[in-house]
Amino acid sequence: MNKYKRLDLTKLEYECLIEIIDFEKLKEIEKRYKEIEGFSIVNKLNNPKNINFSLAKCLASEKATKARSNKAKYKIDTAVEILRTQRKDITRYSVAKVSGVSFSTVKRYLSDETLKYLNEKK
C-alpha cells in the first residue's frame, strides 16, 4: 500500500487549485486529526515542494515500463501456446488465468481480432 500520493501540477494548475480550496474546512479537518504526526494539509498546500524534472528518472522509468511490458507479453504468449497445445478455447479470461497476468493486461495486449484468429487456427 502506498503511503504517499503526489500530484505534479504546473504553476498555473496549482494556483487554480489554491483559489478553489476552502481553507477553513481544511483547518477543521486538521483539528480532528491533530494526533497524527505530520498531518498538516494547509501547511503543505501553502509550502509546496518544487519537483525538478529529471531526464535520468524518465529514462529509467521508460526502461522499467518496457521491461514489465515485455515480461507480460511473454507470459501471455506462453499462455496462448499452452492453451493451443491443450486445444482449449483461447479467451482473455483463460489466458489471464494460465499466465498469471491480470485480465486488464491481457485485454490490453489481445484484441478481439487476435482472439478470433487464434481460435480459428485450432
PDB file of N, CA and C in Angstrom:
ATOM      1  N   MET A   1       0.838  -1.181   0.000  1.00  0.00           N
ATOM      2  CA  MET A   1       0.000   0.000   0.000  1.00  0.00           C
ATOM      3  C   MET A   1       0.885   1.249   0.000  1.00  0.00           C
ATOM      4  N   ASN A   2       0.610   2.143  -0.922  1.00  0.00           N
ATOM      5  CA  ASN A   2       1.363   3.397  -0.971  1.00  0.00           C
ATOM      6  C   ASN A   2       0.920   4.314   0.149  1.00  0.00           C
ATOM      7  N   LYS A   3       1.889   4.860   0.824  1.00  0.00           N
ATOM      8  CA  LYS A   3       1.588   5.778   1.913  1.00  0.00           C
ATOM      9  C   LYS A   3       1.411   7.196   1.384  1.00  0.00           C
ATOM     10  N   TYR A   4       2.046   7.526   0.290  1.00  0.00           N
ATOM     11  CA  TYR A   4       2.037   8.891  -0.224  1.00  0.00           C
ATOM     12  C   TYR A   4       1.426   8.945  -1.611  1.00  0.00           C
ATOM     13  N   LYS A   5       0.802  10.070  -1.897  1.00  0.00           N
ATOM     14  CA  LYS A   5       0.296  10.363  -3.242  1.00  0.00           C
ATOM     15  C   LYS A   5       0.885  11.702  -3.639  1.00  0.00           C
ATOM     16  N   ARG A   6       1.270  11.837  -4.872  1.00  0.00           N
ATOM     17  CA  ARG A   6       1.874  13.084  -5.336  1.00  0.00           C
ATOM     18  C   ARG A   6       1.137  13.567  -6.573  1.00  0.00           C
ATOM     19  N   LEU A   7       0.880  14.860  -6.593  1.00  0.00           N
ATOM     20  CA  LEU A   7       0.317  15.493  -7.777  1.00  0.00           C
ATOM     21  C   LEU A   7       1.401  16.352  -8.398  1.00  0.00           C
ATOM     22  N   ASP A   8       1.639  16.182  -9.653  1.00  0.00           N
ATOM     23  CA  ASP A   8       2.573  17.052 -10.363  1.00  0.00           C
ATOM     24  C   ASP A   8       1.742  18.085 -11.107  1.00  0.00           C
ATOM     25  N   LEU A   9       1.743  19.301 -10.599  1.00  0.00           N
ATOM     26  CA  LEU A   9       0.952  20.371 -11.181  1.00  0.00           C
ATOM     27  C   LEU A   9       1.852  21.472 -11.724  1.00  0.00           C
ATOM     28  N   THR A  10       1.407  22.076 -12.796  1.00  0.00           N
ATOM     29  CA  THR A  10       2.116  23.267 -13.264  1.00  0.00           C
ATOM     30  C   THR A  10       1.795  24.398 -12.295  1.00  0.00           C
ATOM     31  N   LYS A  11       2.516  25.485 -12.407  1.00  0.00           N
ATOM     32  CA  LYS A  11       2.281  26.630 -11.521  1.00  0.00           C
ATOM     33  C   LYS A  11       0.845  27.135 -11.682  1.00  0.00           C
ATOM     34  N   LEU A  12       0.364  27.213 -12.911  1.00  0.00           N
ATOM     35  CA  LEU A  12      -0.998  27.680 -13.167  1.00  0.00           C
ATOM     36  C   LEU A  12      -2.033  26.729 -12.551  1.00  0.00           C
ATOM     37  N   GLU A  13      -1.835  25.425 -12.726  1.00  0.00           N
ATOM     38  CA  GLU A  13      -2.754  24.444 -12.137  1.00  0.00           C
ATOM     39  C   GLU A  13      -2.784  24.563 -10.617  1.00  0.00           C
ATOM     40  N   TYR A  14      -1.604  24.730 -10.030  1.00  0.00           N
ATOM     41  CA  TYR A  14      -1.505  24.882  -8.581  1.00  0.00           C
ATOM     42  C   TYR A  14      -2.256  26.126  -8.108  1.00  0.00           C
ATOM     43  N   GLU A  15      -2.060  27.241  -8.788  1.00  0.00           N
ATOM     44  CA  GLU A  15      -2.721  28.488  -8.405  1.00  0.00           C
ATOM     45  C   GLU A  15      -4.240  28.381  -8.526  1.00  0.00           C
ATOM     46  N   CYS A  16      -4.714  27.703  -9.563  1.00  0.00           N
ATOM     47  CA  CYS A  16      -6.162  27.492  -9.723  1.00  0.00           C
ATOM     48  C   CYS A  16      -6.710  26.635  -8.578  1.00  0.00           C
ATOM     49  N   LEU A  17      -5.985  25.604  -8.230  1.00  0.00           N
ATOM     50  CA  LEU A  17      -6.403  24.724  -7.131  1.00  0.00           C
ATOM     51  C   LEU A  17      -6.468  25.490  -5.814  1.00  0.00           C
ATOM     52  N   ILE A  18      -5.476  26.296  -5.535  1.00  0.00           N
ATOM     53  CA  ILE A  18      -5.431  27.085  -4.300  1.00  0.00           C
ATOM     54  C   ILE A  18      -6.630  28.030  -4.219  1.00  0.00           C
ATOM     55  N   GLU A  19      -7.042  28.586  -5.366  1.00  0.00           N
ATOM     56  CA  GLU A  19      -8.182  29.506  -5.383  1.00  0.00           C
ATOM     57  C   GLU A  19      -9.487  28.840  -4.970  1.00  0.00           C
ATOM     58  N   ILE A  20      -9.670  27.582  -5.299  1.00  0.00           N
ATOM     59  CA  ILE A  20     -10.962  26.932  -5.029  1.00  0.00           C
ATOM     60  C   ILE A  20     -10.996  26.144  -3.720  1.00  0.00           C
ATOM     61  N   ILE A  21      -9.861  26.013  -3.055  1.00  0.00           N
ATOM     62  CA  ILE A  21      -9.826  25.243  -1.806  1.00  0.00           C
ATOM     63  C   ILE A  21     -10.430  26.067  -0.674  1.00  0.00           C
ATOM     64  N   ASP A  22     -11.262  25.417   0.128  1.00  0.00           N
ATOM     65  CA  ASP A  22     -11.855  26.045   1.311  1.00  0.00           C
ATOM     66  C   ASP A  22     -10.922  25.766   2.491  1.00  0.00           C
ATOM     67  N   PHE A  23     -10.057  26.735   2.792  1.00  0.00           N
ATOM     68  CA  PHE A  23      -9.054  26.547   3.833  1.00  0.00           C
ATOM     69  C   PHE A  23      -9.662  26.449   5.231  1.00  0.00           C
ATOM     70  N   GLU A  24     -10.830  27.061   5.433  1.00  0.00           N
ATOM     71  CA  GLU A  24     -11.486  26.962   6.749  1.00  0.00           C
ATOM     72  C   GLU A  24     -11.907  25.522   7.026  1.00  0.00           C
ATOM     73  N   LYS A  25     -12.477  24.860   6.026  1.00  0.00           N
ATOM     74  CA  LYS A  25     -12.860  23.450   6.185  1.00  0.00           C
ATOM     75  C   LYS A  25     -11.626  22.583   6.414  1.00  0.00           C
ATOM     76  N   LEU A  26     -10.557  22.878   5.705  1.00  0.00           N
ATOM     77  CA  LEU A  26      -9.328  22.113   5.886  1.00  0.00           C
ATOM     78  C   LEU A  26      -8.785  22.255   7.303  1.00  0.00           C
ATOM     79  N   LYS A  27      -8.869  23.457   7.859  1.00  0.00           N
ATOM     80  CA  LYS A  27      -8.390  23.670   9.232  1.00  0.00           C
ATOM     81  C   LYS A  27      -9.218  22.868  10.223  1.00  0.00           C
ATOM     82  N   GLU A  28     -10.533  22.773   9.978  1.00  0.00           N
ATOM     83  CA  GLU A  28     -11.404  21.959  10.834  1.00  0.00           C
ATOM     84  C   GLU A  28     -11.001  20.485  10.759  1.00  0.00           C
ATOM     85  N   ILE A  29     -10.712  20.036   9.573  1.00  0.00           N
ATOM     86  CA  ILE A  29     -10.290  18.634   9.389  1.00  0.00           C
ATOM     87  C   ILE A  29      -8.971  18.389  10.104  1.00  0.00           C
ATOM     88  N   GLU A  30      -8.047  19.323   9.986  1.00  0.00           N
ATOM     89  CA  GLU A  30      -6.752  19.192  10.667  1.00  0.00           C
ATOM     90  C   GLU A  30      -6.924  19.064  12.176  1.00  0.00           C
ATOM     91  N   LYS A  31      -7.873  19.796  12.738  1.00  0.00           N
ATOM     92  CA  LYS A  31      -8.123  19.714  14.185  1.00  0.00           C
ATOM     93  C   LYS A  31      -8.567  18.310  14.580  1.00  0.00           C
ATOM     94  N   ARG A  32      -9.375  17.678  13.729  1.00  0.00           N
ATOM     95  CA  ARG A  32      -9.851  16.318  14.022  1.00  0.00           C
ATOM     96  C   ARG A  32      -8.720  15.300  14.006  1.00  0.00           C
ATOM     97  N   TYR A  33      -7.695  15.542  13.192  1.00  0.00           N
ATOM     98  CA  TYR A  33      -6.601  14.591  13.039  1.00  0.00           C
ATOM     99  C   TYR A  33      -5.295  15.089  13.660  1.00  0.00           C
ATOM    100  N   LYS A  34      -5.399  15.953  14.644  1.00  0.00           N
ATOM    101  CA  LYS A  34      -4.198  16.559  15.233  1.00  0.00           C
ATOM    102  C   LYS A  34      -3.281  15.551  15.901  1.00  0.00           C
ATOM    103  N   GLU A  35      -3.823  14.383  16.300  1.00  0.00           N
ATOM    104  CA  GLU A  35      -2.977  13.370  16.955  1.00  0.00           C
ATOM    105  C   GLU A  35      -2.066  12.634  15.966  1.00  0.00           C
ATOM    106  N   ILE A  36      -2.340  12.756  14.688  1.00  0.00           N
ATOM    107  CA  ILE A  36      -1.498  12.113  13.679  1.00  0.00           C
ATOM    108  C   ILE A  36      -0.316  13.024  13.377  1.00  0.00           C
ATOM    109  N   GLU A  37       0.868  12.508  13.610  1.00  0.00           N
ATOM    110  CA  GLU A  37       2.080  13.308  13.420  1.00  0.00           C
ATOM    111  C   GLU A  37       2.268  13.675  11.951  1.00  0.00           C
ATOM    112  N   GLY A  38       2.567  14.924  11.695  1.00  0.00           N
ATOM    113  CA  GLY A  38       2.843  15.379  10.335  1.00  0.00           C
ATOM    114  C   GLY A  38       1.604  15.667   9.513  1.00  0.00           C
ATOM    115  N   PHE A  39       0.416  15.610  10.138  1.00  0.00           N
ATOM    116  CA  PHE A  39      -0.815  15.865   9.396  1.00  0.00           C
ATOM    117  C   PHE A  39      -1.066  17.364   9.357  1.00  0.00           C
ATOM    118  N   SER A  40      -0.647  18.006   8.291  1.00  0.00           N
ATOM    119  CA  SER A  40      -0.837  19.455   8.152  1.00  0.00           C
ATOM    120  C   SER A  40      -1.040  19.802   6.686  1.00  0.00           C
ATOM    121  N   ILE A  41      -2.268  19.623   6.243  1.00  0.00           N
ATOM    122  CA  ILE A  41      -2.593  19.849   4.833  1.00  0.00           C
ATOM    123  C   ILE A  41      -2.391  21.319   4.459  1.00  0.00           C
ATOM    124  N   VAL A  42      -2.864  22.206   5.299  1.00  0.00           N
ATOM    125  CA  VAL A  42      -2.792  23.637   4.992  1.00  0.00           C
ATOM    126  C   VAL A  42      -1.340  24.064   4.819  1.00  0.00           C
ATOM    127  N   ASN A  43      -0.479  23.621   5.724  1.00  0.00           N
ATOM    128  CA  ASN A  43       0.942  23.960   5.634  1.00  0.00           C
ATOM    129  C   ASN A  43       1.561  23.422   4.343  1.00  0.00           C
ATOM    130  N   LYS A  44       1.208  22.197   3.999  1.00  0.00           N
ATOM    131  CA  LYS A  44       1.769  21.603   2.777  1.00  0.00           C
ATOM    132  C   LYS A  44       1.264  22.315   1.521  1.00  0.00           C
ATOM    133  N   LEU A  45       0.006  22.744   1.543  1.00  0.00           N
ATOM    134  CA  LEU A  45      -0.532  23.462   0.388  1.00  0.00           C
ATOM    135  C   LEU A  45       0.103  24.843   0.237  1.00  0.00           C
ATOM    136  N   ASN A  46       0.390  25.472   1.362  1.00  0.00           N
ATOM    137  CA  ASN A  46       0.980  26.815   1.309  1.00  0.00           C
ATOM    138  C   ASN A  46       2.489  26.791   1.065  1.00  0.00           C
ATOM    139  N   ASN A  47       3.114  25.635   1.243  1.00  0.00           N
ATOM    140  CA  ASN A  47       4.564  25.499   1.041  1.00  0.00           C
ATOM    141  C   ASN A  47       4.871  24.276   0.176  1.00  0.00           C
ATOM    142  N   PRO A  48       4.470  24.313  -1.087  1.00  0.00           N
ATOM    143  CA  PRO A  48       4.683  23.124  -1.937  1.00  0.00           C
ATOM    144  C   PRO A  48       6.163  22.911  -2.246  1.00  0.00           C
ATOM    145  N   LYS A  49       6.507  21.641  -2.423  1.00  0.00           N
ATOM    146  CA  LYS A  49       7.873  21.303  -2.828  1.00  0.00           C
ATOM    147  C   LYS A  49       7.985  21.478  -4.331  1.00  0.00           C
ATOM    148  N   ASN A  50       9.080  22.015  -4.760  1.00  0.00           N
ATOM    149  CA  ASN A  50       9.344  22.090  -6.192  1.00  0.00           C
ATOM    150  C   ASN A  50       9.970  20.777  -6.622  1.00  0.00           C
ATOM    151  N   ILE A  51       9.438  20.198  -7.666  1.00  0.00           N
ATOM    152  CA  ILE A  51       9.948  18.935  -8.179  1.00  0.00           C
ATOM    153  C   ILE A  51      10.659  19.217  -9.493  1.00  0.00           C
ATOM    154  N   ASN A  52      11.917  18.895  -9.527  1.00  0.00           N
ATOM    155  CA  ASN A  52      12.692  19.128 -10.742  1.00  0.00           C
ATOM    156  C   ASN A  52      12.554  17.954 -11.696  1.00  0.00           C
ATOM    157  N   PHE A  53      12.467  18.280 -12.960  1.00  0.00           N
ATOM    158  CA  PHE A  53      12.405  17.264 -13.992  1.00  0.00           C
ATOM    159  C   PHE A  53      13.756  16.569 -14.074  1.00  0.00           C
ATOM    160  N   SER A  54      13.731  15.256 -14.114  1.00  0.00           N
ATOM    161  CA  SER A  54      14.969  14.501 -14.198  1.00  0.00           C
ATOM    162  C   SER A  54      14.920  13.575 -15.406  1.00  0.00           C
ATOM    163  N   LEU A  55      15.771  13.833 -16.356  1.00  0.00           N
ATOM    164  CA  LEU A  55      15.826  13.006 -17.556  1.00  0.00           C
ATOM    165  C   LEU A  55      16.217  11.572 -17.199  1.00  0.00           C
ATOM    166  N   ALA A  56      17.127  11.423 -16.257  1.00  0.00           N
ATOM    167  CA  ALA A  56      17.567  10.084 -15.853  1.00  0.00           C
ATOM    168  C   ALA A  56      16.405   9.275 -15.286  1.00  0.00           C
ATOM    169  N   LYS A  57      15.558   9.922 -14.466  1.00  0.00           N
ATOM    170  CA  LYS A  57      14.399   9.225 -13.895  1.00  0.00           C
ATOM    171  C   LYS A  57      13.403   8.848 -14.986  1.00  0.00           C
ATOM    172  N   CYS A  58      13.195   9.758 -15.927  1.00  0.00           N
ATOM    173  CA  CYS A  58      12.271   9.467 -17.030  1.00  0.00           C
ATOM    174  C   CYS A  58      12.759   8.281 -17.859  1.00  0.00           C
ATOM    175  N   LEU A  59      14.042   8.264 -18.162  1.00  0.00           N
ATOM    176  CA  LEU A  59      14.604   7.163 -18.949  1.00  0.00           C
ATOM    177  C   LEU A  59      14.549   5.848 -18.180  1.00  0.00           C
ATOM    178  N   ALA A  60      14.843   5.902 -16.883  1.00  0.00           N
ATOM    179  CA  ALA A  60      14.784   4.691 -16.061  1.00  0.00           C
ATOM    180  C   ALA A  60      13.353   4.178 -15.974  1.00  0.00           C
ATOM    181  N   SER A  61      12.414   5.089 -15.827  1.00  0.00           N
ATOM    182  CA  SER A  61      11.002   4.713 -15.765  1.00  0.00           C
ATOM    183  C   SER A  61      10.544   4.081 -17.071  1.00  0.00           C
ATOM    184  N   GLU A  62      10.947   4.674 -18.181  1.00  0.00           N
ATOM    185  CA  GLU A  62      10.625   4.131 -19.505  1.00  0.00           C
ATOM    186  C   GLU A  62      11.180   2.727 -19.673  1.00  0.00           C
ATOM    187  N   LYS A  63      12.434   2.549 -19.253  1.00  0.00           N
ATOM    188  CA  LYS A  63      13.098   1.255 -19.364  1.00  0.00           C
ATOM    189  C   LYS A  63      12.385   0.201 -18.510  1.00  0.00           C
ATOM    190  N   ALA A  64      12.015   0.577 -17.294  1.00  0.00           N
ATOM    191  CA  ALA A  64      11.325  -0.354 -16.400  1.00  0.00           C
ATOM    192  C   ALA A  64       9.952  -0.725 -16.949  1.00  0.00           C
ATOM    193  N   THR A  65       9.243   0.262 -17.498  1.00  0.00           N
ATOM    194  CA  THR A  65       7.924   0.003 -18.081  1.00  0.00           C
ATOM    195  C   THR A  65       8.041  -0.944 -19.269  1.00  0.00           C
ATOM    196  N   LYS A  66       9.052  -0.722 -20.090  1.00  0.00           N
ATOM    197  CA  LYS A  66       9.265  -1.589 -21.255  1.00  0.00           C
ATOM    198  C   LYS A  66       9.569  -3.018 -20.816  1.00  0.00           C
ATOM    199  N   ALA A  67      10.379  -3.163 -19.767  1.00  0.00           N
ATOM    200  CA  ALA A  67      10.723  -4.490 -19.259  1.00  0.00           C
ATOM    201  C   ALA A  67       9.483  -5.205 -18.724  1.00  0.00           C
ATOM    202  N   ARG A  68       8.632  -4.479 -17.978  1.00  0.00           N
ATOM    203  CA  ARG A  68       7.398  -5.079 -17.451  1.00  0.00           C
ATOM    204  C   ARG A  68       6.465  -5.474 -18.584  1.00  0.00           C
ATOM    205  N   SER A  69       6.367  -4.614 -19.595  1.00  0.00           N
ATOM    206  CA  SER A  69       5.505  -4.909 -20.745  1.00  0.00           C
ATOM    207  C   SER A  69       5.989  -6.145 -21.483  1.00  0.00           C
ATOM    208  N   ASN A  70       7.290  -6.230 -21.709  1.00  0.00           N
ATOM    209  CA  ASN A  70       7.848  -7.392 -22.403  1.00  0.00           C
ATOM    210  C   ASN A  70       7.617  -8.675 -21.605  1.00  0.00           C
ATOM    211  N   LYS A  71       7.759  -8.586 -20.302  1.00  0.00           N
ATOM    212  CA  LYS A  71       7.537  -9.755 -19.444  1.00  0.00           C
ATOM    213  C   LYS A  71       6.071 -10.202 -19.524  1.00  0.00           C
ATOM    214  N   ALA A  72       5.151  -9.240 -19.489  1.00  0.00           N
ATOM    215  CA  ALA A  72       3.722  -9.555 -19.582  1.00  0.00           C
ATOM    216  C   ALA A  72       3.401 -10.172 -20.944  1.00  0.00           C
ATOM    217  N   LYS A  73       3.951  -9.591 -22.016  1.00  0.00           N
ATOM    218  CA  LYS A  73       3.722 -10.134 -23.358  1.00  0.00           C
ATOM    219  C   LYS A  73       4.242 -11.569 -23.461  1.00  0.00           C
ATOM    220  N   TYR A  74       5.409 -11.821 -22.898  1.00  0.00           N
ATOM    221  CA  TYR A  74       5.985 -13.169 -22.923  1.00  0.00           C
ATOM    222  C   TYR A  74       5.071 -14.151 -22.191  1.00  0.00           C
ATOM    223  N   LYS A  75       4.588 -13.760 -21.014  1.00  0.00           N
ATOM    224  CA  LYS A  75       3.690 -14.628 -20.247  1.00  0.00           C
ATOM    225  C   LYS A  75       2.406 -14.903 -21.018  1.00  0.00           C
ATOM    226  N   ILE A  76       1.874 -13.871 -21.676  1.00  0.00           N
ATOM    227  CA  ILE A  76       0.646 -14.031 -22.457  1.00  0.00           C
ATOM    228  C   ILE A  76       0.881 -14.954 -23.639  1.00  0.00           C
ATOM    229  N   ASP A  77       1.986 -14.747 -24.357  1.00  0.00           N
ATOM    230  CA  ASP A  77       2.314 -15.618 -25.498  1.00  0.00           C
ATOM    231  C   ASP A  77       2.483 -17.064 -25.063  1.00  0.00           C
ATOM    232  N   THR A  78       3.153 -17.273 -23.940  1.00  0.00           N
ATOM    233  CA  THR A  78       3.351 -18.624 -23.414  1.00  0.00           C
ATOM    234  C   THR A  78       2.013 -19.255 -23.055  1.00  0.00           C
ATOM    235  N   ALA A  79       1.133 -18.483 -22.413  1.00  0.00           N
ATOM    236  CA  ALA A  79      -0.188 -18.998 -22.035  1.00  0.00           C
ATOM    237  C   ALA A  79      -1.004 -19.373 -23.268  1.00  0.00           C
ATOM    238  N   VAL A  80      -0.923 -18.552 -24.309  1.00  0.00           N
ATOM    239  CA  VAL A  80      -1.644 -18.856 -25.553  1.00  0.00           C
ATOM    240  C   VAL A  80      -1.139 -20.169 -26.139  1.00  0.00           C
ATOM    241  N   GLU A  81       0.171 -20.358 -26.145  1.00  0.00           N
ATOM    242  CA  GLU A  81       0.733 -21.613 -26.665  1.00  0.00           C
ATOM    243  C   GLU A  81       0.293 -22.818 -25.830  1.00  0.00           C
ATOM    244  N   ILE A  82       0.264 -22.651 -24.521  1.00  0.00           N
ATOM    245  CA  ILE A  82      -0.193 -23.742 -23.645  1.00  0.00           C
ATOM    246  C   ILE A  82      -1.644 -24.087 -23.954  1.00  0.00           C
ATOM    247  N   LEU A  83      -2.486 -23.080 -24.079  1.00  0.00           N
ATOM    248  CA  LEU A  83      -3.903 -23.315 -24.383  1.00  0.00           C
ATOM    249  C   LEU A  83      -4.082 -23.938 -25.760  1.00  0.00           C
ATOM    250  N   ARG A  84      -3.271 -23.526 -26.722  1.00  0.00           N
ATOM    251  CA  ARG A  84      -3.351 -24.117 -28.066  1.00  0.00           C
ATOM    252  C   ARG A  84      -2.932 -25.578 -28.025  1.00  0.00           C
ATOM    253  N   THR A  85      -1.872 -25.868 -27.262  1.00  0.00           N
ATOM    254  CA  THR A  85      -1.402 -27.248 -27.134  1.00  0.00           C
ATOM    255  C   THR A  85      -2.466 -28.125 -26.494  1.00  0.00           C
ATOM    256  N   GLN A  86      -3.176 -27.570 -25.524  1.00  0.00           N
ATOM    257  CA  GLN A  86      -4.236 -28.319 -24.838  1.00  0.00           C
ATOM    258  C   GLN A  86      -5.556 -28.290 -25.607  1.00  0.00           C
ATOM    259  N   ARG A  87      -5.558 -27.608 -26.746  1.00  0.00           N
ATOM    260  CA  ARG A  87      -6.739 -27.462 -27.605  1.00  0.00           C
ATOM    261  C   ARG A  87      -7.942 -26.893 -26.836  1.00  0.00           C
ATOM    262  N   LYS A  88      -7.675 -25.903 -26.014  1.00  0.00           N
ATOM    263  CA  LYS A  88      -8.730 -25.232 -25.251  1.00  0.00           C
ATOM    264  C   LYS A  88      -9.060 -23.903 -25.907  1.00  0.00           C
ATOM    265  N   ASP A  89     -10.250 -23.390 -25.585  1.00  0.00           N
ATOM    266  CA  ASP A  89     -10.634 -22.076 -26.095  1.00  0.00           C
ATOM    267  C   ASP A  89      -9.679 -21.019 -25.551  1.00  0.00           C
ATOM    268  N   ILE A  90      -9.323 -20.102 -26.411  1.00  0.00           N
ATOM    269  CA  ILE A  90      -8.429 -19.018 -26.008  1.00  0.00           C
ATOM    270  C   ILE A  90      -9.289 -17.778 -25.780  1.00  0.00           C
ATOM    271  N   THR A  91      -9.507 -17.488 -24.522  1.00  0.00           N
ATOM    272  CA  THR A  91     -10.254 -16.291 -24.131  1.00  0.00           C
ATOM    273  C   THR A  91      -9.336 -15.431 -23.270  1.00  0.00           C
ATOM    274  N   ARG A  92      -9.712 -14.194 -23.098  1.00  0.00           N
ATOM    275  CA  ARG A  92      -8.898 -13.332 -22.237  1.00  0.00           C
ATOM    276  C   ARG A  92      -8.836 -13.896 -20.819  1.00  0.00           C
ATOM    277  N   TYR A  93      -9.966 -14.411 -20.352  1.00  0.00           N
ATOM    278  CA  TYR A  93     -10.019 -14.968 -19.003  1.00  0.00           C
ATOM    279  C   TYR A  93      -9.087 -16.174 -18.871  1.00  0.00           C
ATOM    280  N   SER A  94      -9.134 -17.083 -19.845  1.00  0.00           N
ATOM    281  CA  SER A  94      -8.287 -18.277 -19.764  1.00  0.00           C
ATOM    282  C   SER A  94      -6.809 -17.921 -19.877  1.00  0.00           C
ATOM    283  N   VAL A  95      -6.486 -16.954 -20.723  1.00  0.00           N
ATOM    284  CA  VAL A  95      -5.097 -16.507 -20.864  1.00  0.00           C
ATOM    285  C   VAL A  95      -4.616 -15.870 -19.563  1.00  0.00           C
ATOM    286  N   ALA A  96      -5.470 -15.050 -18.955  1.00  0.00           N
ATOM    287  CA  ALA A  96      -5.104 -14.410 -17.688  1.00  0.00           C
ATOM    288  C   ALA A  96      -4.868 -15.451 -16.603  1.00  0.00           C
ATOM    289  N   LYS A  97      -5.727 -16.444 -16.566  1.00  0.00           N
ATOM    290  CA  LYS A  97      -5.615 -17.489 -15.543  1.00  0.00           C
ATOM    291  C   LYS A  97      -4.339 -18.308 -15.720  1.00  0.00           C
ATOM    292  N   VAL A  98      -4.044 -18.702 -16.940  1.00  0.00           N
ATOM    293  CA  VAL A  98      -2.863 -19.529 -17.203  1.00  0.00           C
ATOM    294  C   VAL A  98      -1.570 -18.724 -17.050  1.00  0.00           C
ATOM    295  N   SER A  99      -1.590 -17.472 -17.480  1.00  0.00           N
ATOM    296  CA  SER A  99      -0.364 -16.663 -17.478  1.00  0.00           C
ATOM    297  C   SER A  99      -0.056 -16.033 -16.124  1.00  0.00           C
ATOM    298  N   GLY A 100      -1.087 -15.845 -15.315  1.00  0.00           N
ATOM    299  CA  GLY A 100      -0.874 -15.157 -14.043  1.00  0.00           C
ATOM    300  C   GLY A 100      -0.835 -13.651 -14.196  1.00  0.00           C
ATOM    301  N   VAL A 101      -1.255 -13.174 -15.352  1.00  0.00           N
ATOM    302  CA  VAL A 101      -1.301 -11.741 -15.644  1.00  0.00           C
ATOM    303  C   VAL A 101      -2.744 -11.286 -15.443  1.00  0.00           C
ATOM    304  N   SER A 102      -2.955 -10.046 -15.057  1.00  0.00           N
ATOM    305  CA  SER A 102      -4.318  -9.573 -14.815  1.00  0.00           C
ATOM    306  C   SER A 102      -5.132  -9.559 -16.108  1.00  0.00           C
ATOM    307  N   PHE A 103      -6.444  -9.666 -15.934  1.00  0.00           N
ATOM    308  CA  PHE A 103      -7.360  -9.665 -17.065  1.00  0.00           C
ATOM    309  C   PHE A 103      -7.200  -8.392 -17.886  1.00  0.00           C
ATOM    310  N   SER A 104      -7.073  -7.236 -17.210  1.00  0.00           N
ATOM    311  CA  SER A 104      -6.963  -5.971 -17.950  1.00  0.00           C
ATOM    312  C   SER A 104      -5.663  -5.890 -18.750  1.00  0.00           C
ATOM    313  N   THR A 105      -4.594  -6.506 -18.245  1.00  0.00           N
ATOM    314  CA  THR A 105      -3.343  -6.527 -19.000  1.00  0.00           C
ATOM    315  C   THR A 105      -3.509  -7.392 -20.249  1.00  0.00           C
ATOM    316  N   VAL A 106      -4.158  -8.536 -20.098  1.00  0.00           N
ATOM    317  CA  VAL A 106      -4.417  -9.399 -21.261  1.00  0.00           C
ATOM    318  C   VAL A 106      -5.282  -8.653 -22.264  1.00  0.00           C
ATOM    319  N   LYS A 107      -6.280  -7.934 -21.773  1.00  0.00           N
ATOM    320  CA  LYS A 107      -7.174  -7.182 -22.651  1.00  0.00           C
ATOM    321  C   LYS A 107      -6.397  -6.126 -23.436  1.00  0.00           C
ATOM    322  N   ARG A 108      -5.395  -5.536 -22.790  1.00  0.00           N
ATOM    323  CA  ARG A 108      -4.572  -4.513 -23.443  1.00  0.00           C
ATOM    324  C   ARG A 108      -3.787  -5.108 -24.614  1.00  0.00           C
ATOM    325  N   TYR A 109      -3.318  -6.345 -24.467  1.00  0.00           N
ATOM    326  CA  TYR A 109      -2.434  -6.935 -25.479  1.00  0.00           C
ATOM    327  C   TYR A 109      -3.118  -7.870 -26.466  1.00  0.00           C
ATOM    328  N   LEU A 110      -4.308  -8.381 -26.138  1.00  0.00           N
ATOM    329  CA  LEU A 110      -5.004  -9.288 -27.054  1.00  0.00           C
ATOM    330  C   LEU A 110      -6.298  -8.650 -27.535  1.00  0.00           C
ATOM    331  N   SER A 111      -6.322  -8.247 -28.787  1.00  0.00           N
ATOM    332  CA  SER A 111      -7.522  -7.632 -29.349  1.00  0.00           C
ATOM    333  C   SER A 111      -8.557  -8.703 -29.682  1.00  0.00           C
ATOM    334  N   ASP A 112      -9.771  -8.270 -29.959  1.00  0.00           N
ATOM    335  CA  ASP A 112     -10.839  -9.199 -30.353  1.00  0.00           C
ATOM    336  C   ASP A 112     -10.464  -9.943 -31.626  1.00  0.00           C
ATOM    337  N   GLU A 113      -9.839  -9.216 -32.566  1.00  0.00           N
ATOM    338  CA  GLU A 113      -9.448  -9.828 -33.836  1.00  0.00           C
ATOM    339  C   GLU A 113      -8.396 -10.921 -33.616  1.00  0.00           C
ATOM    340  N   THR A 114      -7.454 -10.643 -32.739  1.00  0.00           N
ATOM    341  CA  THR A 114      -6.406 -11.628 -32.448  1.00  0.00           C
ATOM    342  C   THR A 114      -7.000 -12.870 -31.817  1.00  0.00           C
ATOM    343  N   LEU A 115      -7.919 -12.692 -30.857  1.00  0.00           N
ATOM    344  CA  LEU A 115      -8.562 -13.841 -30.222  1.00  0.00           C
ATOM    345  C   LEU A 115      -9.338 -14.659 -31.241  1.00  0.00           C
ATOM    346  N   LYS A 116     -10.056 -13.960 -32.120  1.00  0.00           N
ATOM    347  CA  LYS A 116     -10.828 -14.647 -33.152  1.00  0.00           C
ATOM    348  C   LYS A 116      -9.895 -15.470 -34.052  1.00  0.00           C
ATOM    349  N   TYR A 117      -8.795 -14.857 -34.460  1.00  0.00           N
ATOM    350  CA  TYR A 117      -7.819 -15.530 -35.310  1.00  0.00           C
ATOM    351  C   TYR A 117      -7.220 -16.742 -34.609  1.00  0.00           C
ATOM    352  N   LEU A 118      -6.852 -16.591 -33.339  1.00  0.00           N
ATOM    353  CA  LEU A 118      -6.253 -17.696 -32.589  1.00  0.00           C
ATOM    354  C   LEU A 118      -7.207 -18.866 -32.423  1.00  0.00           C
ATOM    355  N   ASN A 119      -8.474 -18.586 -32.231  1.00  0.00           N
ATOM    356  CA  ASN A 119      -9.450 -19.652 -32.048  1.00  0.00           C
ATOM    357  C   ASN A 119      -9.829 -20.316 -33.366  1.00  0.00           C
ATOM    358  N   GLU A 120      -9.685 -19.613 -34.488  1.00  0.00           N
ATOM    359  CA  GLU A 120      -9.945 -20.214 -35.807  1.00  0.00           C
ATOM    360  C   GLU A 120      -8.854 -21.176 -36.202  1.00  0.00           C
ATOM    361  N   LYS A 121      -7.619 -20.952 -35.700  1.00  0.00           N
ATOM    362  CA  LYS A 121      -6.473 -21.773 -36.086  1.00  0.00           C
ATOM    363  C   LYS A 121      -6.466 -23.153 -35.430  1.00  0.00           C
ATOM    364  N   LYS A 122      -7.389 -23.416 -34.490  1.00  0.00           N
ATOM    365  CA  LYS A 122      -7.388 -24.690 -33.755  1.00  0.00           C
ATOM    366  C   LYS A 122      -7.436 -25.891 -34.645  1.00  0.00           C
TER     367      LYS A 122
END
